[in-house]
Amino acid sequence: MSDRIELKTPPSQFDVVGDAWVVHNPRFGAEGTHFHTYGLLTPYFKGLTEGKLMATHCVNAKCPIGHGKADSWLPPRADCPDCHQPMEWTQVTDPSGYIYSFTHVERGGTGLTIETPYYQIDVKMPGVGTIVKSYLVNRTPIKIGDKVRACFLTGKAASNTCLDLYFELI
């Protein structure tokens, strides 16, 4: 067994409709394909495939919580949950942080194509007001507070899903 896990997810096919991706998820063969749109969150998924971590933040000065200067959201939100105004996109320029919590996964669920065992981790990043959930490629024992950085499956390796974002120990 390697000291790093491998993702064995084939790339999801998708159509571009306007600015949105519509992902094909063939759960039960072609006739059972589920179509899911990323809609207004398409920039997040597209960014992952380009090696960029895109977040949203509220710029509404009248927002009762952030007053237009709130931290970024990951996963992103199209609209601010506090003032319901559209959020703006921003790139997380330093996609590193620390392990906030974790679970050691011995057996993945149906359809999950991450090699087991692996760590599912929650990451706290500076300037991001939410906790990012992902997976760690390292198999070595970890602890809360360990430093990690975001990595991406890009190009032909991209799955076009949230699994294109993963973390490794720094």
N, C-alpha and C. Protein backbone atom coordinates (compact mmCIF):
# COMPACT_ATOMS: atom_id res chain seq x y z
N MET A 1 0.84 -1.17 0.00
CA MET A 1 0.00 0.00 0.00
C MET A 1 0.89 1.24 0.00
N SER A 2 0.57 2.18 -0.86
CA SER A 2 1.31 3.44 -0.98
C SER A 2 1.02 4.33 0.22
N ASP A 3 1.92 5.30 0.47
CA ASP A 3 1.66 6.25 1.55
C ASP A 3 0.76 7.39 1.11
N ARG A 4 0.28 7.34 -0.15
CA ARG A 4 -0.67 8.33 -0.67
C ARG A 4 -1.85 7.60 -1.32
N ILE A 5 -3.04 8.10 -1.11
CA ILE A 5 -4.21 7.48 -1.73
C ILE A 5 -4.35 7.94 -3.17
N GLU A 6 -5.11 7.19 -3.92
CA GLU A 6 -5.40 7.55 -5.31
C GLU A 6 -6.89 7.70 -5.49
N LEU A 7 -7.26 8.69 -6.29
CA LEU A 7 -8.65 8.87 -6.67
C LEU A 7 -8.85 8.09 -7.97
N LYS A 8 -9.87 7.27 -8.01
CA LYS A 8 -10.11 6.44 -9.19
C LYS A 8 -11.44 6.82 -9.85
N THR A 9 -11.73 8.10 -9.85
CA THR A 9 -12.98 8.58 -10.42
C THR A 9 -12.78 8.96 -11.87
N PRO A 10 -13.56 8.38 -12.77
CA PRO A 10 -13.45 8.80 -14.17
C PRO A 10 -14.03 10.21 -14.32
N PRO A 11 -13.56 10.97 -15.30
CA PRO A 11 -14.09 12.32 -15.49
C PRO A 11 -15.59 12.29 -15.78
N SER A 12 -16.32 13.18 -15.14
CA SER A 12 -17.74 13.34 -15.44
C SER A 12 -17.88 14.11 -16.74
N GLN A 13 -18.80 13.67 -17.56
CA GLN A 13 -19.11 14.41 -18.78
C GLN A 13 -20.04 15.56 -18.41
N PHE A 14 -19.96 16.65 -19.15
CA PHE A 14 -20.86 17.76 -18.87
C PHE A 14 -21.14 18.54 -20.13
N ASP A 15 -22.26 19.23 -20.14
CA ASP A 15 -22.63 20.16 -21.20
C ASP A 15 -22.51 21.56 -20.62
N VAL A 16 -22.24 22.53 -21.48
CA VAL A 16 -22.24 23.92 -21.07
C VAL A 16 -23.53 24.54 -21.59
N VAL A 17 -24.34 25.03 -20.68
CA VAL A 17 -25.61 25.67 -21.02
C VAL A 17 -25.53 27.10 -20.49
N GLY A 18 -25.36 28.05 -21.41
CA GLY A 18 -25.11 29.42 -20.97
C GLY A 18 -23.75 29.45 -20.29
N ASP A 19 -23.72 29.89 -19.03
CA ASP A 19 -22.49 29.91 -18.25
C ASP A 19 -22.39 28.72 -17.30
N ALA A 20 -23.39 27.85 -17.30
CA ALA A 20 -23.45 26.77 -16.32
C ALA A 20 -23.05 25.42 -16.91
N TRP A 21 -22.43 24.60 -16.07
CA TRP A 21 -22.16 23.21 -16.42
C TRP A 21 -23.34 22.36 -15.99
N VAL A 22 -23.73 21.42 -16.87
CA VAL A 22 -24.72 20.41 -16.53
C VAL A 22 -24.00 19.07 -16.59
N VAL A 23 -23.82 18.45 -15.44
CA VAL A 23 -23.01 17.25 -15.31
C VAL A 23 -23.88 16.02 -15.52
N HIS A 24 -23.33 15.03 -16.24
CA HIS A 24 -24.01 13.76 -16.48
C HIS A 24 -23.49 12.78 -15.42
N ASN A 25 -24.39 12.18 -14.68
CA ASN A 25 -24.01 11.20 -13.67
C ASN A 25 -24.72 9.89 -14.00
N PRO A 26 -24.03 9.01 -14.79
CA PRO A 26 -24.69 7.76 -15.23
C PRO A 26 -24.71 6.71 -14.13
N ARG A 27 -25.64 6.84 -13.20
CA ARG A 27 -25.72 5.94 -12.05
C ARG A 27 -26.15 4.53 -12.44
N PHE A 28 -27.03 4.42 -13.44
CA PHE A 28 -27.59 3.12 -13.81
C PHE A 28 -27.49 2.92 -15.31
N GLY A 29 -26.34 3.21 -15.91
CA GLY A 29 -26.20 3.13 -17.35
C GLY A 29 -26.76 4.37 -18.01
N ALA A 30 -26.64 4.43 -19.32
CA ALA A 30 -27.05 5.63 -20.06
C ALA A 30 -28.51 5.99 -19.81
N GLU A 31 -29.39 4.98 -19.73
CA GLU A 31 -30.81 5.28 -19.54
C GLU A 31 -31.11 5.77 -18.12
N GLY A 32 -30.20 5.55 -17.20
CA GLY A 32 -30.40 6.01 -15.81
C GLY A 32 -29.56 7.22 -15.45
N THR A 33 -29.10 7.95 -16.46
CA THR A 33 -28.24 9.11 -16.21
C THR A 33 -29.01 10.21 -15.49
N HIS A 34 -28.40 10.70 -14.44
CA HIS A 34 -28.94 11.84 -13.68
C HIS A 34 -28.21 13.09 -14.18
N PHE A 35 -28.93 14.13 -14.50
CA PHE A 35 -28.35 15.39 -14.95
C PHE A 35 -28.44 16.39 -13.81
N HIS A 36 -27.30 16.97 -13.48
CA HIS A 36 -27.23 17.92 -12.36
C HIS A 36 -26.52 19.18 -12.83
N THR A 37 -27.12 20.34 -12.59
CA THR A 37 -26.45 21.58 -12.99
C THR A 37 -25.71 22.19 -11.81
N TYR A 38 -24.52 22.68 -12.10
CA TYR A 38 -23.78 23.44 -11.09
C TYR A 38 -24.28 24.88 -11.04
N GLY A 39 -25.06 25.28 -12.03
CA GLY A 39 -25.71 26.59 -12.04
C GLY A 39 -24.75 27.73 -11.74
N LEU A 40 -25.15 28.59 -10.80
CA LEU A 40 -24.34 29.76 -10.45
C LEU A 40 -23.03 29.40 -9.75
N LEU A 41 -22.86 28.14 -9.35
CA LEU A 41 -21.62 27.71 -8.69
C LEU A 41 -20.62 27.10 -9.66
N THR A 42 -20.91 27.15 -10.95
CA THR A 42 -20.01 26.62 -11.97
C THR A 42 -18.59 27.20 -11.85
N PRO A 43 -18.39 28.50 -11.56
CA PRO A 43 -17.01 29.01 -11.45
C PRO A 43 -16.16 28.26 -10.42
N TYR A 44 -16.78 27.74 -9.37
CA TYR A 44 -16.04 26.96 -8.36
C TYR A 44 -15.50 25.68 -8.99
N PHE A 45 -16.37 24.92 -9.64
CA PHE A 45 -15.96 23.63 -10.22
C PHE A 45 -15.01 23.83 -11.40
N LYS A 46 -15.25 24.84 -12.20
CA LYS A 46 -14.33 25.14 -13.30
C LYS A 46 -12.97 25.54 -12.75
N GLY A 47 -12.96 26.34 -11.69
CA GLY A 47 -11.70 26.75 -11.06
C GLY A 47 -10.89 25.57 -10.57
N LEU A 48 -11.56 24.58 -9.96
CA LEU A 48 -10.84 23.39 -9.49
C LEU A 48 -10.09 22.73 -10.63
N THR A 49 -10.74 22.60 -11.80
CA THR A 49 -10.09 21.93 -12.94
C THR A 49 -8.94 22.76 -13.50
N GLU A 50 -8.86 24.03 -13.11
CA GLU A 50 -7.78 24.92 -13.55
C GLU A 50 -6.75 25.15 -12.44
N GLY A 51 -6.90 24.45 -11.31
CA GLY A 51 -5.95 24.61 -10.21
C GLY A 51 -6.17 25.87 -9.40
N LYS A 52 -7.41 26.38 -9.38
CA LYS A 52 -7.73 27.58 -8.63
C LYS A 52 -8.85 27.28 -7.64
N LEU A 53 -8.72 27.82 -6.45
CA LEU A 53 -9.75 27.67 -5.44
C LEU A 53 -10.57 28.96 -5.40
N MET A 54 -11.79 28.87 -5.92
CA MET A 54 -12.66 30.04 -6.02
C MET A 54 -13.68 30.02 -4.88
N ALA A 55 -13.84 31.18 -4.25
CA ALA A 55 -14.78 31.34 -3.15
C ALA A 55 -15.69 32.53 -3.46
N THR A 56 -16.70 32.71 -2.65
CA THR A 56 -17.56 33.89 -2.80
C THR A 56 -17.53 34.68 -1.50
N HIS A 57 -17.84 35.98 -1.62
CA HIS A 57 -17.96 36.81 -0.43
C HIS A 57 -19.01 37.90 -0.69
N CYS A 58 -19.61 38.36 0.38
CA CYS A 58 -20.66 39.37 0.29
C CYS A 58 -20.02 40.76 0.26
N VAL A 59 -20.45 41.57 -0.69
CA VAL A 59 -19.93 42.94 -0.81
C VAL A 59 -21.01 43.98 -0.51
N ASN A 60 -22.14 43.53 -0.01
CA ASN A 60 -23.25 44.43 0.30
C ASN A 60 -22.96 45.17 1.61
N ALA A 61 -22.74 46.47 1.55
CA ALA A 61 -22.46 47.28 2.74
C ALA A 61 -23.63 47.27 3.72
N LYS A 62 -24.83 46.97 3.25
CA LYS A 62 -26.01 46.93 4.12
C LYS A 62 -26.25 45.54 4.72
N CYS A 63 -25.37 44.59 4.47
CA CYS A 63 -25.51 43.25 5.03
C CYS A 63 -25.45 43.35 6.56
N PRO A 64 -26.42 42.76 7.27
CA PRO A 64 -26.46 42.89 8.72
C PRO A 64 -25.31 42.19 9.45
N ILE A 65 -24.62 41.28 8.79
CA ILE A 65 -23.53 40.54 9.45
C ILE A 65 -22.16 41.01 8.95
N GLY A 66 -21.91 40.90 7.65
CA GLY A 66 -20.59 41.20 7.11
C GLY A 66 -20.36 42.64 6.72
N HIS A 67 -21.43 43.40 6.56
CA HIS A 67 -21.33 44.82 6.17
C HIS A 67 -20.45 45.02 4.94
N GLY A 68 -20.47 44.05 4.03
CA GLY A 68 -19.70 44.14 2.80
C GLY A 68 -18.24 43.76 2.93
N LYS A 69 -17.83 43.31 4.12
CA LYS A 69 -16.42 42.96 4.36
C LYS A 69 -16.29 41.58 5.00
N ALA A 70 -17.23 40.72 4.71
CA ALA A 70 -17.24 39.39 5.34
C ALA A 70 -16.14 38.50 4.77
N ASP A 71 -15.81 37.46 5.52
CA ASP A 71 -14.88 36.44 5.04
C ASP A 71 -15.48 35.73 3.84
N SER A 72 -14.64 35.00 3.13
CA SER A 72 -15.09 34.22 1.98
C SER A 72 -15.82 32.96 2.43
N TRP A 73 -16.60 32.41 1.51
CA TRP A 73 -17.34 31.18 1.75
C TRP A 73 -16.80 30.05 0.87
N LEU A 74 -16.52 28.92 1.49
CA LEU A 74 -16.16 27.68 0.82
C LEU A 74 -16.87 26.55 1.54
N PRO A 75 -17.69 25.77 0.93
CA PRO A 75 -18.07 25.90 -0.46
C PRO A 75 -18.77 27.24 -0.70
N PRO A 76 -18.69 27.72 -1.93
CA PRO A 76 -19.26 29.03 -2.23
C PRO A 76 -20.78 29.04 -2.18
N ARG A 77 -21.31 30.23 -2.03
CA ARG A 77 -22.76 30.45 -2.07
C ARG A 77 -23.03 31.47 -3.17
N ALA A 78 -24.10 31.29 -3.92
CA ALA A 78 -24.47 32.26 -4.96
C ALA A 78 -25.00 33.54 -4.33
N ASP A 79 -25.76 33.39 -3.24
CA ASP A 79 -26.34 34.54 -2.55
C ASP A 79 -25.95 34.50 -1.08
N CYS A 80 -25.79 35.67 -0.49
CA CYS A 80 -25.43 35.77 0.92
C CYS A 80 -26.56 35.23 1.78
N PRO A 81 -26.26 34.33 2.71
CA PRO A 81 -27.32 33.79 3.56
C PRO A 81 -27.85 34.80 4.59
N ASP A 82 -27.15 35.91 4.76
CA ASP A 82 -27.56 36.91 5.75
C ASP A 82 -28.40 38.04 5.15
N CYS A 83 -28.04 38.49 3.93
CA CYS A 83 -28.78 39.60 3.31
C CYS A 83 -29.45 39.21 1.99
N HIS A 84 -29.19 37.99 1.52
CA HIS A 84 -29.81 37.43 0.32
C HIS A 84 -29.43 38.16 -0.97
N GLN A 85 -28.33 38.90 -0.95
CA GLN A 85 -27.85 39.58 -2.15
C GLN A 85 -26.81 38.70 -2.83
N PRO A 86 -26.62 38.87 -4.16
CA PRO A 86 -25.62 38.07 -4.87
C PRO A 86 -24.22 38.26 -4.28
N MET A 87 -23.50 37.16 -4.18
CA MET A 87 -22.11 37.19 -3.70
C MET A 87 -21.20 37.44 -4.90
N GLU A 88 -19.97 37.87 -4.63
CA GLU A 88 -18.95 38.05 -5.68
C GLU A 88 -17.88 36.98 -5.54
N TRP A 89 -17.31 36.63 -6.69
CA TRP A 89 -16.27 35.60 -6.73
C TRP A 89 -14.91 36.19 -6.42
N THR A 90 -14.10 35.40 -5.72
CA THR A 90 -12.72 35.78 -5.43
C THR A 90 -11.88 34.50 -5.39
N GLN A 91 -10.63 34.61 -5.77
CA GLN A 91 -9.74 33.45 -5.71
C GLN A 91 -9.03 33.43 -4.37
N VAL A 92 -8.99 32.27 -3.74
CA VAL A 92 -8.22 32.09 -2.51
C VAL A 92 -6.76 32.00 -2.94
N THR A 93 -5.98 33.04 -2.63
CA THR A 93 -4.60 33.10 -3.14
C THR A 93 -3.64 32.21 -2.38
N ASP A 94 -3.94 31.91 -1.12
CA ASP A 94 -3.11 30.99 -0.34
C ASP A 94 -4.01 29.88 0.18
N PRO A 95 -4.23 28.84 -0.63
CA PRO A 95 -5.16 27.78 -0.23
C PRO A 95 -4.54 26.77 0.75
N SER A 96 -4.09 27.28 1.88
CA SER A 96 -3.54 26.40 2.91
C SER A 96 -4.24 26.71 4.23
N GLY A 97 -4.12 25.80 5.16
CA GLY A 97 -4.75 25.99 6.46
C GLY A 97 -4.34 24.87 7.39
N TYR A 98 -5.23 24.53 8.30
CA TYR A 98 -4.91 23.45 9.24
C TYR A 98 -6.12 22.53 9.40
N ILE A 99 -5.83 21.30 9.82
CA ILE A 99 -6.89 20.31 10.02
C ILE A 99 -7.69 20.71 11.25
N TYR A 100 -8.96 20.97 11.06
CA TYR A 100 -9.88 21.37 12.11
C TYR A 100 -10.49 20.14 12.79
N SER A 101 -10.81 19.14 11.97
CA SER A 101 -11.29 17.84 12.46
C SER A 101 -11.08 16.82 11.34
N PHE A 102 -11.18 15.54 11.70
CA PHE A 102 -10.99 14.51 10.67
C PHE A 102 -11.68 13.22 11.07
N THR A 103 -11.88 12.37 10.06
CA THR A 103 -12.41 11.02 10.24
C THR A 103 -11.54 10.08 9.43
N HIS A 104 -11.18 8.96 10.01
CA HIS A 104 -10.43 7.94 9.27
C HIS A 104 -11.44 7.00 8.64
N VAL A 105 -11.48 6.96 7.31
CA VAL A 105 -12.47 6.18 6.58
C VAL A 105 -11.84 4.85 6.17
N GLU A 106 -12.40 3.77 6.68
CA GLU A 106 -11.92 2.42 6.36
C GLU A 106 -12.66 1.83 5.17
N ARG A 107 -13.91 2.20 5.02
CA ARG A 107 -14.73 1.65 3.94
C ARG A 107 -15.59 2.77 3.38
N GLY A 108 -15.41 3.09 2.11
CA GLY A 108 -16.18 4.15 1.48
C GLY A 108 -17.57 3.68 1.12
N GLY A 109 -18.44 4.62 0.87
CA GLY A 109 -19.81 4.31 0.49
C GLY A 109 -19.92 3.89 -0.96
N THR A 110 -21.09 3.45 -1.33
CA THR A 110 -21.36 3.03 -2.69
C THR A 110 -21.08 4.16 -3.66
N GLY A 111 -20.34 3.86 -4.70
CA GLY A 111 -20.04 4.85 -5.73
C GLY A 111 -18.84 5.73 -5.41
N LEU A 112 -18.32 5.67 -4.20
CA LEU A 112 -17.17 6.48 -3.84
C LEU A 112 -15.92 5.81 -4.39
N THR A 113 -15.16 6.56 -5.15
CA THR A 113 -14.02 5.95 -5.83
C THR A 113 -12.69 6.46 -5.29
N ILE A 114 -12.66 6.71 -3.99
CA ILE A 114 -11.39 7.05 -3.33
C ILE A 114 -10.87 5.78 -2.70
N GLU A 115 -9.61 5.49 -2.96
CA GLU A 115 -8.99 4.30 -2.40
C GLU A 115 -9.01 4.39 -0.87
N THR A 116 -9.41 3.33 -0.20
CA THR A 116 -9.44 3.31 1.26
C THR A 116 -8.26 2.54 1.80
N PRO A 117 -7.85 2.79 3.03
CA PRO A 117 -8.37 3.80 3.94
C PRO A 117 -7.84 5.20 3.57
N TYR A 118 -8.57 6.22 4.02
CA TYR A 118 -8.14 7.59 3.81
C TYR A 118 -8.71 8.46 4.92
N TYR A 119 -8.23 9.69 4.99
CA TYR A 119 -8.75 10.66 5.95
C TYR A 119 -9.69 11.63 5.25
N GLN A 120 -10.88 11.76 5.76
CA GLN A 120 -11.77 12.84 5.36
C GLN A 120 -11.48 13.96 6.36
N ILE A 121 -11.17 15.16 5.84
CA ILE A 121 -10.73 16.23 6.73
C ILE A 121 -11.60 17.48 6.56
N ASP A 122 -11.67 18.24 7.64
CA ASP A 122 -12.26 19.57 7.64
C ASP A 122 -11.10 20.53 7.83
N VAL A 123 -11.02 21.55 6.95
CA VAL A 123 -9.87 22.46 6.95
C VAL A 123 -10.33 23.88 7.24
N LYS A 124 -9.64 24.54 8.16
CA LYS A 124 -9.86 25.96 8.44
C LYS A 124 -8.76 26.73 7.73
N MET A 125 -9.19 27.72 6.93
CA MET A 125 -8.24 28.52 6.13
C MET A 125 -8.36 29.99 6.53
N PRO A 126 -7.26 30.72 6.58
CA PRO A 126 -7.33 32.13 6.89
C PRO A 126 -8.16 32.89 5.85
N GLY A 127 -9.01 33.78 6.31
CA GLY A 127 -9.83 34.59 5.41
C GLY A 127 -11.07 33.88 4.90
N VAL A 128 -11.25 32.62 5.29
CA VAL A 128 -12.43 31.86 4.89
C VAL A 128 -13.25 31.61 6.16
N GLY A 129 -14.49 32.08 6.17
CA GLY A 129 -15.32 31.99 7.35
C GLY A 129 -15.99 30.66 7.56
N THR A 130 -15.87 29.75 6.61
CA THR A 130 -16.49 28.44 6.70
C THR A 130 -15.40 27.37 6.74
N ILE A 131 -15.80 26.16 7.01
CA ILE A 131 -14.87 25.03 7.07
C ILE A 131 -14.98 24.25 5.76
N VAL A 132 -13.84 23.94 5.16
CA VAL A 132 -13.80 23.21 3.89
C VAL A 132 -13.67 21.72 4.18
N LYS A 133 -14.54 20.91 3.60
CA LYS A 133 -14.48 19.45 3.76
C LYS A 133 -13.88 18.85 2.50
N SER A 134 -12.92 17.95 2.69
CA SER A 134 -12.27 17.32 1.55
C SER A 134 -11.63 16.02 2.02
N TYR A 135 -10.63 15.57 1.28
CA TYR A 135 -9.90 14.38 1.67
C TYR A 135 -8.40 14.66 1.62
N LEU A 136 -7.67 13.89 2.40
CA LEU A 136 -6.22 14.02 2.50
C LEU A 136 -5.58 12.88 1.72
N VAL A 137 -4.56 13.19 0.91
CA VAL A 137 -3.92 12.12 0.14
C VAL A 137 -2.88 11.37 0.95
N ASN A 138 -2.40 11.95 2.02
CA ASN A 138 -1.42 11.28 2.86
C ASN A 138 -2.09 10.22 3.73
N ARG A 139 -1.41 9.10 3.91
CA ARG A 139 -1.94 8.03 4.78
C ARG A 139 -1.28 8.03 6.14
N THR A 140 -0.29 8.86 6.36
CA THR A 140 0.41 8.87 7.63
C THR A 140 -0.51 9.37 8.75
N PRO A 141 -0.29 8.95 9.98
CA PRO A 141 -1.13 9.43 11.09
C PRO A 141 -1.12 10.96 11.16
N ILE A 142 -2.29 11.53 11.45
CA ILE A 142 -2.42 12.98 11.51
C ILE A 142 -3.04 13.37 12.84
N LYS A 143 -3.05 14.70 13.10
CA LYS A 143 -3.70 15.21 14.30
C LYS A 143 -4.33 16.56 13.98
N ILE A 144 -5.28 16.95 14.79
CA ILE A 144 -5.90 18.26 14.63
C ILE A 144 -4.81 19.32 14.77
N GLY A 145 -4.84 20.28 13.86
CA GLY A 145 -3.83 21.35 13.87
C GLY A 145 -2.74 21.16 12.83
N ASP A 146 -2.62 19.94 12.25
CA ASP A 146 -1.60 19.73 11.21
C ASP A 146 -1.87 20.67 10.04
N LYS A 147 -0.79 21.21 9.47
CA LYS A 147 -0.90 22.14 8.35
C LYS A 147 -1.07 21.37 7.05
N VAL A 148 -1.95 21.89 6.19
CA VAL A 148 -2.24 21.28 4.90
C VAL A 148 -2.35 22.36 3.82
N ARG A 149 -2.21 21.93 2.58
CA ARG A 149 -2.43 22.85 1.45
C ARG A 149 -3.32 22.16 0.43
N ALA A 150 -4.10 22.99 -0.27
CA ALA A 150 -5.01 22.48 -1.29
C ALA A 150 -4.23 22.08 -2.53
N CYS A 151 -4.66 21.00 -3.15
CA CYS A 151 -4.13 20.53 -4.42
C CYS A 151 -5.32 20.22 -5.32
N PHE A 152 -5.06 20.06 -6.60
CA PHE A 152 -6.16 19.94 -7.55
C PHE A 152 -5.88 18.88 -8.60
N LEU A 153 -6.96 18.20 -9.01
CA LEU A 153 -6.89 17.35 -10.19
C LEU A 153 -7.28 18.25 -11.35
N THR A 154 -6.38 18.41 -12.30
CA THR A 154 -6.62 19.34 -13.41
C THR A 154 -6.50 18.61 -14.75
N GLY A 155 -6.89 19.31 -15.80
CA GLY A 155 -6.75 18.77 -17.15
C GLY A 155 -7.49 17.46 -17.31
N LYS A 156 -6.85 16.49 -17.95
CA LYS A 156 -7.48 15.19 -18.20
C LYS A 156 -7.68 14.39 -16.92
N ALA A 157 -6.95 14.72 -15.85
CA ALA A 157 -7.11 14.01 -14.57
C ALA A 157 -8.33 14.50 -13.80
N ALA A 158 -8.89 15.65 -14.18
CA ALA A 158 -10.02 16.23 -13.46
C ALA A 158 -11.27 15.35 -13.58
N SER A 159 -11.99 15.21 -12.47
CA SER A 159 -13.25 14.46 -12.48
C SER A 159 -14.44 15.37 -12.75
N ASN A 160 -14.22 16.68 -12.71
CA ASN A 160 -15.27 17.69 -12.87
C ASN A 160 -16.29 17.63 -11.74
N THR A 161 -15.81 17.24 -10.55
CA THR A 161 -16.64 17.15 -9.35
C THR A 161 -15.87 17.78 -8.19
N CYS A 162 -16.49 17.76 -7.00
CA CYS A 162 -15.82 18.29 -5.82
C CYS A 162 -14.58 17.49 -5.45
N LEU A 163 -14.44 16.28 -5.98
CA LEU A 163 -13.27 15.46 -5.69
C LEU A 163 -12.00 15.98 -6.35
N ASP A 164 -12.12 17.01 -7.21
CA ASP A 164 -10.94 17.61 -7.83
C ASP A 164 -10.15 18.46 -6.83
N LEU A 165 -10.72 18.72 -5.67
CA LEU A 165 -10.02 19.41 -4.59
C LEU A 165 -9.63 18.37 -3.54
N TYR A 166 -8.35 18.34 -3.20
CA TYR A 166 -7.88 17.47 -2.13
C TYR A 166 -6.77 18.22 -1.39
N PHE A 167 -6.32 17.66 -0.29
CA PHE A 167 -5.29 18.33 0.50
C PHE A 167 -4.13 17.37 0.75
N GLU A 168 -2.96 17.97 0.97
CA GLU A 168 -1.79 17.20 1.37
C GLU A 168 -1.12 17.93 2.53
N LEU A 169 -0.41 17.14 3.35
CA LEU A 169 0.29 17.72 4.48
C LEU A 169 1.42 18.62 4.00
N ILE A 170 1.65 19.70 4.72
CA ILE A 170 2.78 20.59 4.41
C ILE A 170 3.96 20.16 5.27
